[in-house]
């Protein structure tokens, strides 16, 4: 099965919906870039309710050795840039919602899906009853 990488926003959206476990149901392993974990940790430090990646058994924290690939994309956040770089390095599917970041990913040949129904990740899973 193809590897899957996620950015910060899909984790936040699914956490807020109480549906973060869907990622682990759909994908046996989800790669989470270290910059994404740092963004979530900063949010938690500011008092926001964010997922704890360390508690997600299906999540694996990774770093990108070629993050410089996107150094010129100054309009991306660190989490977005590293998620794109990791997906590019591993030829992985990238779960990403930001339109500008998606354009950057598409420019370098990264396959992208999104969290929202029109982007196909959550729609089929939301049709399943929750326990």
Protein backbone atom coordinates (compact mmCIF):
# COMPACT_ATOMS: atom_id res chain seq x y z
CA UNK A 1 0.00 0.00 0.00
CA UNK A 2 1.20 3.50 -0.83
CA UNK A 3 2.49 5.57 2.08
CA UNK A 4 0.39 8.51 3.28
CA UNK A 5 1.59 11.85 4.68
CA UNK A 6 -0.61 14.39 6.45
CA UNK A 7 -0.34 18.08 7.11
CA UNK A 8 -1.59 19.81 10.26
CA UNK A 9 -5.08 20.82 9.12
CA UNK A 10 -6.45 17.31 8.38
CA UNK A 11 -5.37 16.19 11.85
CA UNK A 12 -7.02 19.24 13.42
CA UNK A 13 -10.25 18.95 11.42
CA UNK A 14 -10.70 15.26 12.13
CA UNK A 15 -9.81 15.78 15.81
CA UNK A 16 -12.42 18.54 16.08
CA UNK A 17 -15.02 16.25 14.50
CA UNK A 18 -14.12 13.46 16.92
CA UNK A 19 -13.18 11.41 13.88
CA UNK A 20 -9.39 11.34 13.93
CA UNK A 21 -9.47 7.54 14.20
CA UNK A 22 -10.70 7.49 10.59
CA UNK A 23 -7.15 8.08 9.40
CA UNK A 24 -5.99 4.94 11.19
CA UNK A 25 -8.95 3.04 9.76
CA UNK A 26 -8.27 4.16 6.19
CA UNK A 27 -4.47 3.89 6.36
CA UNK A 28 -2.42 1.45 8.45
CA UNK A 29 0.33 4.06 8.87
CA UNK A 30 0.23 7.83 8.44
CA UNK A 31 3.48 9.77 8.27
CA UNK A 32 3.43 13.02 10.24
CA UNK A 33 6.30 15.46 9.56
CA UNK A 34 8.14 16.75 12.62
CA UNK A 35 7.17 20.34 11.69
CA UNK A 36 3.50 19.33 11.87
CA UNK A 37 4.03 17.91 15.35
CA UNK A 38 5.75 21.16 16.35
CA UNK A 39 2.79 23.20 15.05
CA UNK A 40 0.38 21.03 17.05
CA UNK A 41 2.58 21.31 20.16
CA UNK A 42 2.58 25.11 19.80
CA UNK A 43 -1.22 25.08 19.59
CA UNK A 44 -1.47 22.89 22.68
CA UNK A 45 0.91 25.26 24.49
CA UNK A 46 -1.40 28.15 23.60
CA UNK A 47 -4.32 26.29 25.17
CA UNK A 48 -5.96 24.88 22.03
CA UNK A 49 -7.49 21.41 21.85
CA UNK A 50 -5.25 19.62 19.35
CA UNK A 51 -4.46 15.96 18.78
CA UNK A 52 -1.47 14.39 20.48
CA UNK A 53 0.38 12.61 17.68
CA UNK A 54 2.33 10.49 20.18
CA UNK A 55 -0.94 8.84 21.25
CA UNK A 56 -1.95 7.85 17.70
CA UNK A 57 -0.70 4.29 17.20
CA UNK A 58 -0.97 4.56 13.42
CA UNK A 59 1.05 7.80 13.21
CA UNK A 60 4.80 7.84 12.58
CA UNK A 61 6.74 11.09 13.04
CA UNK A 62 9.25 11.66 10.24
CA UNK A 63 11.63 14.38 9.08
CA UNK A 64 12.56 15.46 5.58
CA UNK A 65 16.23 15.45 4.63
CA UNK A 66 15.40 17.45 1.48
CA UNK A 67 13.25 20.19 2.97
CA UNK A 68 15.44 22.62 1.01
CA UNK A 69 13.44 21.53 -2.03
CA UNK A 70 10.75 24.00 -0.97
CA UNK A 71 13.00 26.72 0.48
CA UNK A 72 11.89 29.17 -2.20
CA UNK A 73 8.21 28.62 -1.36
CA UNK A 74 8.21 31.28 1.34
CA UNK A 75 4.42 31.45 1.23
CA UNK A 76 4.12 27.99 2.84
CA UNK A 77 4.18 27.20 6.54
CA UNK A 78 6.88 24.86 7.85
CA UNK A 79 4.39 22.02 8.31
CA UNK A 80 3.07 22.37 4.76
CA UNK A 81 6.55 22.57 3.27
CA UNK A 82 7.82 19.54 5.15
CA UNK A 83 4.67 17.51 4.40
CA UNK A 84 5.12 18.22 0.69
CA UNK A 85 8.83 17.37 0.86
CA UNK A 86 8.21 14.07 2.68
CA UNK A 87 5.46 13.08 0.24
CA UNK A 88 7.73 13.94 -2.69
CA UNK A 89 10.69 11.96 -1.29
CA UNK A 90 8.58 8.87 -0.63
CA UNK A 91 6.18 9.14 -3.59
CA UNK A 92 3.42 9.15 -0.97
CA UNK A 93 -0.17 10.35 -1.07
CA UNK A 94 -0.43 13.72 0.69
CA UNK A 95 -3.49 14.75 2.72
CA UNK A 96 -3.50 18.52 2.38
CA UNK A 97 -6.29 21.11 2.30
CA UNK A 98 -4.66 24.49 1.68
CA UNK A 99 -5.15 25.51 -1.97
CA UNK A 100 -1.79 27.26 -2.35
CA UNK A 101 0.09 24.36 -0.76
CA UNK A 102 -1.77 21.94 -3.04
CA UNK A 103 -0.59 23.94 -6.07
CA UNK A 104 3.02 23.72 -4.84
CA UNK A 105 2.62 19.97 -4.31
CA UNK A 106 1.10 19.47 -7.75
CA UNK A 107 3.94 21.43 -9.38
CA UNK A 108 6.47 18.86 -8.16
CA UNK A 109 4.29 15.86 -8.94
CA UNK A 110 2.90 15.01 -5.50
CA UNK A 111 -0.49 13.28 -5.47
CA UNK A 112 -2.84 15.15 -3.13
CA UNK A 113 -6.15 14.38 -1.49
CA UNK A 114 -8.03 16.42 1.09
CA UNK A 115 -10.02 16.02 4.28
CA UNK A 116 -13.35 17.46 3.16
CA UNK A 117 -15.98 15.45 1.22
CA UNK A 118 -15.31 17.13 -2.12
CA UNK A 119 -11.73 15.97 -1.75
CA UNK A 120 -12.71 12.34 -1.11
CA UNK A 121 -11.02 11.34 2.17
CA UNK A 122 -13.76 11.71 4.75
CA UNK A 123 -16.98 11.36 2.71
CA UNK A 124 -17.07 7.53 2.46
CA UNK A 125 -15.88 7.10 6.03
CA UNK A 126 -18.47 9.53 7.43
CA UNK A 127 -21.21 7.36 5.94
CA UNK A 128 -20.20 4.60 8.36
CA UNK A 129 -21.89 4.65 11.77
CA UNK A 130 -19.68 5.74 14.65
CA UNK A 131 -19.36 3.41 17.63
